[in-house]
Amino acid sequence: MESFSQTEPLEDGRPYLGPAAKVTPEDVFFPPSVPDCDVSFVVMLVRENGRLLVCHHQGRGEWELPGGRRERGETPFEAAARELWEETGALEFELTFLGWYGVRGPEGQTFGAAYSGVVSSRGDLPPYEIASVCPVDQVPEGGCAYPEIQPAILEHFAGRF
């Protein structure tokens, strides 16, 4: 595994800020296919009563689309269904695969799967990292988690969810 120091710049000249370094919108891309075994993350663009569901993360204090890391042994779809329940309390829902996305970061690239869907029933919010869930007409400006990634995903899949 390649290592980086705090002072070593990235290939394009941007400073390396650690594993959680911010990426630019140009670092987000949409490959035509990705093997399931390479999918690490899922994100869901889901609606409830025609409005987009967003989650307010307790630790980050920011709004974000429901999604998260795929766990060992899960298919991307299973990860999406689990994360949707964990982050919104969704009990009855439909999910449809939208496509793949990738993010180039300081330590390589990661891949995710995007899903669209409709939530028809929600129960109590599970006691995990999400403080609240809100149906919105548009994603709240400012204070959005992953501000270079999630807007690119929303723009790329606009009109398909």
C-alpha atoms as a PDB file:
ATOM      1  CA  MET A   1       0.000   0.000   0.000  1.00  0.00           C
ATOM      2  CA  GLU A   2       1.324   3.411  -0.958  1.00  0.00           C
ATOM      3  CA  SER A   3       1.697   5.910   1.877  1.00  0.00           C
ATOM      4  CA  PHE A   4       1.420   9.671   1.849  1.00  0.00           C
ATOM      5  CA  SER A   5       2.763  12.375   4.129  1.00  0.00           C
ATOM      6  CA  GLN A   6       0.838  15.475   5.216  1.00  0.00           C
ATOM      7  CA  THR A   7       3.109  17.670   3.098  1.00  0.00           C
ATOM      8  CA  GLU A   8       3.279  15.593  -0.077  1.00  0.00           C
ATOM      9  CA  PRO A   9       1.047  17.201  -2.761  1.00  0.00           C
ATOM     10  CA  LEU A  10      -1.246  15.163  -4.967  1.00  0.00           C
ATOM     11  CA  GLU A  11      -0.310  14.603  -8.606  1.00  0.00           C
ATOM     12  CA  ASP A  12      -2.422  17.585  -9.704  1.00  0.00           C
ATOM     13  CA  GLY A  13      -0.749  19.891  -7.166  1.00  0.00           C
ATOM     14  CA  ARG A  14      -3.560  19.966  -4.593  1.00  0.00           C
ATOM     15  CA  PRO A  15      -2.281  19.451  -1.042  1.00  0.00           C
ATOM     16  CA  TYR A  16      -2.931  16.067   0.548  1.00  0.00           C
ATOM     17  CA  LEU A  17      -5.153  16.558   3.586  1.00  0.00           C
ATOM     18  CA  GLY A  18      -5.406  12.968   4.800  1.00  0.00           C
ATOM     19  CA  PRO A  19      -7.823  10.132   3.960  1.00  0.00           C
ATOM     20  CA  ALA A  20     -10.868  12.397   4.382  1.00  0.00           C
ATOM     21  CA  ALA A  21      -9.447  15.013   1.990  1.00  0.00           C
ATOM     22  CA  LYS A  22     -12.083  16.887   0.052  1.00  0.00           C
ATOM     23  CA  VAL A  23     -12.375  15.959  -3.570  1.00  0.00           C
ATOM     24  CA  THR A  24     -13.301  18.256  -6.425  1.00  0.00           C
ATOM     25  CA  PRO A  25     -16.353  17.778  -8.650  1.00  0.00           C
ATOM     26  CA  GLU A  26     -13.940  16.604 -11.354  1.00  0.00           C
ATOM     27  CA  ASP A  27     -12.998  13.673  -9.092  1.00  0.00           C
ATOM     28  CA  VAL A  28     -16.536  12.251  -9.401  1.00  0.00           C
ATOM     29  CA  PHE A  29     -17.156  10.115 -12.475  1.00  0.00           C
ATOM     30  CA  PHE A  30     -19.779   7.717 -13.802  1.00  0.00           C
ATOM     31  CA  PRO A  31     -18.363   4.540 -15.347  1.00  0.00           C
ATOM     32  CA  PRO A  32     -20.576   2.446 -17.619  1.00  0.00           C
ATOM     33  CA  SER A  33     -20.082  -0.607 -15.398  1.00  0.00           C
ATOM     34  CA  VAL A  34     -18.361  -1.700 -12.203  1.00  0.00           C
ATOM     35  CA  PRO A  35     -17.984  -5.297 -10.969  1.00  0.00           C
ATOM     36  CA  ASP A  36     -20.122  -5.830  -7.851  1.00  0.00           C
ATOM     37  CA  CYS A  37     -17.002  -6.840  -5.928  1.00  0.00           C
ATOM     38  CA  ASP A  38     -15.583  -3.314  -6.422  1.00  0.00           C
ATOM     39  CA  VAL A  39     -18.662  -1.481  -5.073  1.00  0.00           C
ATOM     40  CA  SER A  40     -17.887  -0.105  -1.600  1.00  0.00           C
ATOM     41  CA  PHE A  41     -20.719   2.416  -1.144  1.00  0.00           C
ATOM     42  CA  VAL A  42     -24.371   2.911  -1.972  1.00  0.00           C
ATOM     43  CA  VAL A  43     -26.467   6.052  -2.213  1.00  0.00           C
ATOM     44  CA  MET A  44     -30.218   6.284  -2.568  1.00  0.00           C
ATOM     45  CA  LEU A  45     -32.205   9.028  -4.275  1.00  0.00           C
ATOM     46  CA  VAL A  46     -35.598   8.209  -2.824  1.00  0.00           C
ATOM     47  CA  ARG A  47     -38.861  10.059  -2.658  1.00  0.00           C
ATOM     48  CA  GLU A  48     -41.684  10.030  -0.162  1.00  0.00           C
ATOM     49  CA  ASN A  49     -44.943  11.609  -1.338  1.00  0.00           C
ATOM     50  CA  GLY A  50     -43.055  13.075  -4.295  1.00  0.00           C
ATOM     51  CA  ARG A  51     -40.356  14.745  -2.173  1.00  0.00           C
ATOM     52  CA  LEU A  52     -36.675  13.789  -1.884  1.00  0.00           C
ATOM     53  CA  LEU A  53     -35.683  12.270   1.476  1.00  0.00           C
ATOM     54  CA  VAL A  54     -32.543  13.692   3.089  1.00  0.00           C
ATOM     55  CA  CYS A  55     -30.969  12.738   6.404  1.00  0.00           C
ATOM     56  CA  HIS A  56     -29.359  14.926   9.051  1.00  0.00           C
ATOM     57  CA  HIS A  57     -26.238  13.166  10.343  1.00  0.00           C
ATOM     58  CA  GLN A  58     -25.651  13.529  14.111  1.00  0.00           C
ATOM     59  CA  GLY A  59     -21.861  13.438  14.023  1.00  0.00           C
ATOM     60  CA  ARG A  60     -21.318  15.615  10.955  1.00  0.00           C
ATOM     61  CA  GLY A  61     -24.239  17.945  11.628  1.00  0.00           C
ATOM     62  CA  GLU A  62     -24.966  18.050   7.910  1.00  0.00           C
ATOM     63  CA  TRP A  63     -27.675  16.969   5.490  1.00  0.00           C
ATOM     64  CA  GLU A  64     -26.985  14.071   3.157  1.00  0.00           C
ATOM     65  CA  LEU A  65     -28.655  11.564   0.922  1.00  0.00           C
ATOM     66  CA  PRO A  66     -29.307   8.187   2.546  1.00  0.00           C
ATOM     67  CA  GLY A  67     -26.442   5.823   1.876  1.00  0.00           C
ATOM     68  CA  GLY A  68     -23.360   4.251   3.310  1.00  0.00           C
ATOM     69  CA  ARG A  69     -20.743   1.581   3.222  1.00  0.00           C
ATOM     70  CA  ARG A  70     -21.422  -1.917   1.944  1.00  0.00           C
ATOM     71  CA  GLU A  71     -20.849  -4.616   4.560  1.00  0.00           C
ATOM     72  CA  ARG A  72     -19.037  -7.895   3.973  1.00  0.00           C
ATOM     73  CA  GLY A  73     -21.259 -10.480   2.300  1.00  0.00           C
ATOM     74  CA  GLU A  74     -23.868  -7.991   1.072  1.00  0.00           C
ATOM     75  CA  THR A  75     -24.799  -7.354  -2.515  1.00  0.00           C
ATOM     76  CA  PRO A  76     -25.001  -3.664  -3.423  1.00  0.00           C
ATOM     77  CA  PHE A  77     -28.812  -3.955  -3.433  1.00  0.00           C
ATOM     78  CA  GLU A  78     -28.835  -5.529   0.043  1.00  0.00           C
ATOM     79  CA  ALA A  79     -26.578  -2.720   1.294  1.00  0.00           C
ATOM     80  CA  ALA A  80     -28.947  -0.143  -0.202  1.00  0.00           C
ATOM     81  CA  ALA A  81     -31.995  -1.723   1.451  1.00  0.00           C
ATOM     82  CA  ARG A  82     -30.235  -1.962   4.832  1.00  0.00           C
ATOM     83  CA  GLU A  83     -28.887   1.595   4.675  1.00  0.00           C
ATOM     84  CA  LEU A  84     -32.273   2.962   3.629  1.00  0.00           C
ATOM     85  CA  TRP A  85     -33.877   1.408   6.712  1.00  0.00           C
ATOM     86  CA  GLU A  86     -31.004   2.458   9.022  1.00  0.00           C
ATOM     87  CA  GLU A  87     -30.997   6.060   7.812  1.00  0.00           C
ATOM     88  CA  THR A  88     -34.699   6.748   7.216  1.00  0.00           C
ATOM     89  CA  GLY A  89     -36.650   4.083   9.109  1.00  0.00           C
ATOM     90  CA  ALA A  90     -38.151   2.985   5.763  1.00  0.00           C
ATOM     91  CA  LEU A  91     -40.311  -0.112   6.199  1.00  0.00           C
ATOM     92  CA  GLU A  92     -41.969  -0.361   2.785  1.00  0.00           C
ATOM     93  CA  PHE A  93     -40.109   0.854  -0.270  1.00  0.00           C
ATOM     94  CA  GLU A  94     -39.121   0.121  -3.840  1.00  0.00           C
ATOM     95  CA  LEU A  95     -35.533   0.489  -5.043  1.00  0.00           C
ATOM     96  CA  THR A  96     -34.301   0.525  -8.635  1.00  0.00           C
ATOM     97  CA  PHE A  97     -30.676   0.511  -9.721  1.00  0.00           C
ATOM     98  CA  LEU A  98     -29.686   3.809 -11.405  1.00  0.00           C
ATOM     99  CA  GLY A  99     -26.010   3.323 -12.158  1.00  0.00           C
ATOM    100  CA  TRP A 100     -22.489   3.415 -10.841  1.00  0.00           C
ATOM    101  CA  TYR A 101     -20.361   6.292  -9.665  1.00  0.00           C
ATOM    102  CA  GLY A 102     -16.715   6.596  -8.768  1.00  0.00           C
ATOM    103  CA  VAL A 103     -14.652   9.022  -6.720  1.00  0.00           C
ATOM    104  CA  ARG A 104     -10.945   9.614  -7.220  1.00  0.00           C
ATOM    105  CA  GLY A 105      -9.318  10.391  -3.895  1.00  0.00           C
ATOM    106  CA  PRO A 106      -5.814  10.770  -2.541  1.00  0.00           C
ATOM    107  CA  GLU A 107      -5.533   7.044  -1.872  1.00  0.00           C
ATOM    108  CA  GLY A 108      -7.089   5.790  -5.094  1.00  0.00           C
ATOM    109  CA  GLN A 109     -10.589   5.486  -6.400  1.00  0.00           C
ATOM    110  CA  THR A 110     -13.701   4.030  -4.832  1.00  0.00           C
ATOM    111  CA  PHE A 111     -16.920   2.949  -6.477  1.00  0.00           C
ATOM    112  CA  GLY A 112     -20.540   3.132  -5.467  1.00  0.00           C
ATOM    113  CA  ALA A 113     -23.952   2.106  -6.722  1.00  0.00           C
ATOM    114  CA  ALA A 114     -26.817   4.585  -6.929  1.00  0.00           C
ATOM    115  CA  TYR A 115     -30.460   3.591  -6.509  1.00  0.00           C
ATOM    116  CA  SER A 116     -33.713   5.444  -6.928  1.00  0.00           C
ATOM    117  CA  GLY A 117     -36.854   4.598  -5.105  1.00  0.00           C
ATOM    118  CA  VAL A 118     -40.095   5.407  -3.411  1.00  0.00           C
ATOM    119  CA  VAL A 119     -40.693   5.054   0.317  1.00  0.00           C
ATOM    120  CA  SER A 120     -44.325   4.280   1.120  1.00  0.00           C
ATOM    121  CA  SER A 121     -43.992   3.636   4.857  1.00  0.00           C
ATOM    122  CA  ARG A 122     -41.525   4.665   7.572  1.00  0.00           C
ATOM    123  CA  GLY A 123     -41.304   3.544  11.175  1.00  0.00           C
ATOM    124  CA  ASP A 124     -39.220   4.919  13.998  1.00  0.00           C
ATOM    125  CA  LEU A 125     -35.727   6.033  13.099  1.00  0.00           C
ATOM    126  CA  PRO A 126     -33.228   3.374  14.250  1.00  0.00           C
ATOM    127  CA  PRO A 127     -30.789   4.566  16.960  1.00  0.00           C
ATOM    128  CA  TYR A 128     -27.760   4.959  14.707  1.00  0.00           C
ATOM    129  CA  GLU A 129     -26.023   8.020  13.270  1.00  0.00           C
ATOM    130  CA  ILE A 130     -29.016   9.863  11.769  1.00  0.00           C
ATOM    131  CA  ALA A 131     -30.691  12.552  13.901  1.00  0.00           C
ATOM    132  CA  SER A 132     -33.642  13.264  11.608  1.00  0.00           C
ATOM    133  CA  VAL A 133     -35.085  12.685   8.159  1.00  0.00           C
ATOM    134  CA  CYS A 134     -36.808  15.320   6.100  1.00  0.00           C
ATOM    135  CA  PRO A 135     -38.693  15.198   2.790  1.00  0.00           C
ATOM    136  CA  VAL A 136     -37.595  18.227   0.730  1.00  0.00           C
ATOM    137  CA  ASP A 137     -38.331  19.765  -2.641  1.00  0.00           C
ATOM    138  CA  GLN A 138     -34.622  20.463  -3.142  1.00  0.00           C
ATOM    139  CA  VAL A 139     -31.431  19.552  -1.309  1.00  0.00           C
ATOM    140  CA  PRO A 140     -30.647  22.115   1.423  1.00  0.00           C
ATOM    141  CA  GLU A 141     -27.853  24.500   0.443  1.00  0.00           C
ATOM    142  CA  GLY A 142     -24.837  24.794   2.712  1.00  0.00           C
ATOM    143  CA  GLY A 143     -23.990  22.287   5.400  1.00  0.00           C
ATOM    144  CA  CYS A 144     -24.369  19.399   2.967  1.00  0.00           C
ATOM    145  CA  ALA A 145     -22.182  16.366   3.585  1.00  0.00           C
ATOM    146  CA  TYR A 146     -19.910  15.444   0.700  1.00  0.00           C
ATOM    147  CA  PRO A 147     -20.554  18.740  -1.162  1.00  0.00           C
ATOM    148  CA  GLU A 148     -18.479  17.712  -4.168  1.00  0.00           C
ATOM    149  CA  ILE A 149     -19.904  14.196  -4.470  1.00  0.00           C
ATOM    150  CA  GLN A 150     -23.638  14.212  -3.752  1.00  0.00           C
ATOM    151  CA  PRO A 151     -24.516  17.213  -5.974  1.00  0.00           C
ATOM    152  CA  ALA A 152     -22.669  15.518  -8.858  1.00  0.00           C
ATOM    153  CA  ILE A 153     -24.680  12.335  -8.277  1.00  0.00           C
ATOM    154  CA  LEU A 154     -27.942  14.292  -8.150  1.00  0.00           C
ATOM    155  CA  GLU A 155     -27.073  16.165 -11.336  1.00  0.00           C
ATOM    156  CA  HIS A 156     -25.957  13.061 -13.214  1.00  0.00           C
ATOM    157  CA  PHE A 157     -29.129  11.113 -12.396  1.00  0.00           C
ATOM    158  CA  ALA A 158     -31.526  14.094 -12.616  1.00  0.00           C
ATOM    159  CA  GLY A 159     -34.788  13.153 -14.247  1.00  0.00           C
ATOM    160  CA  ARG A 160     -34.311   9.470 -13.460  1.00  0.00           C
ATOM    161  CA  PHE A 161     -35.555   9.436  -9.869  1.00  0.00           C
END
